[in-house]
Amino acid sequence: GRGNLKAEYEGENAFRTSNPKVFAAGDGRRGQSLVVYAIAEGRRCAEAVNSFLREEN
């Protein structure tokens, strides 16, 4: 079967994998689901990535 990436959904490490510079969301994190869930999670993940990049600079 297909494995999913392990990443937290909430908190300061939201959507981060075991590599702090790699984020996962949507079908890659939770498995196949409705597209509306993947879109919503993708938006939240984008916010987490944006916060991460702002902290890096």
Protein backbone atom coordinates (compact mmCIF):
# COMPACT_ATOMS: atom_id res chain seq x y z
CA GLY A 1 0.00 0.00 0.00
CA ARG A 2 0.89 3.61 -0.25
CA GLY A 3 2.51 5.16 2.80
CA ASN A 4 1.82 8.67 3.99
CA LEU A 5 4.23 11.27 5.31
CA LYS A 6 4.10 11.75 9.06
CA ALA A 7 3.51 15.38 10.02
CA GLU A 8 1.71 17.11 12.88
CA TYR A 9 -1.56 18.89 12.08
CA GLU A 10 -1.43 21.57 14.78
CA GLY A 11 1.04 23.40 16.97
CA GLU A 12 4.36 25.04 16.25
CA ASN A 13 5.48 22.07 14.13
CA ALA A 14 2.28 21.91 12.07
CA PHE A 15 2.79 20.11 8.75
CA ARG A 16 6.54 19.59 9.35
CA THR A 17 7.98 16.16 8.76
CA SER A 18 10.96 14.74 10.66
CA ASN A 19 13.07 17.04 8.45
CA PRO A 20 12.17 20.53 9.73
CA LYS A 21 12.55 21.99 6.23
CA VAL A 22 10.08 19.54 4.64
CA PHE A 23 6.33 20.06 5.01
CA ALA A 24 3.50 17.68 4.09
CA ALA A 25 -0.22 18.26 3.57
CA GLY A 26 -3.28 16.89 1.81
CA ASP A 27 -3.26 13.38 0.40
CA GLY A 28 0.45 13.02 1.15
CA ARG A 29 -0.17 13.46 4.87
CA ARG A 30 -3.64 12.08 5.53
CA GLY A 31 -4.27 9.75 2.60
CA GLN A 32 -6.97 9.97 -0.03
CA SER A 33 -9.86 12.18 0.96
CA LEU A 34 -12.20 14.79 -0.45
CA VAL A 35 -10.53 17.52 -2.47
CA VAL A 36 -12.01 20.22 -0.22
CA TYR A 37 -10.06 18.80 2.74
CA ALA A 38 -6.84 18.73 0.71
CA ILE A 39 -7.36 22.36 -0.38
CA ALA A 40 -8.06 23.53 3.17
CA GLU A 41 -5.05 21.66 4.52
CA GLY A 42 -2.88 23.02 1.70
CA ARG A 43 -3.83 26.56 2.67
CA ARG A 44 -2.99 25.93 6.33
CA CYS A 45 0.29 24.32 5.30
CA ALA A 46 1.15 27.34 3.13
CA GLU A 47 0.66 29.56 6.19
CA ALA A 48 2.98 27.30 8.21
CA VAL A 49 5.62 27.43 5.46
CA ASN A 50 5.31 31.22 5.27
CA SER A 51 5.81 31.51 9.05
CA PHE A 52 8.82 29.18 8.86
CA LEU A 53 10.43 31.21 6.08
CA ARG A 54 9.88 34.47 7.95
CA GLU A 55 11.60 32.99 11.02
CA GLU A 56 14.56 31.85 8.87
CA ASN A 57 15.28 35.42 7.71
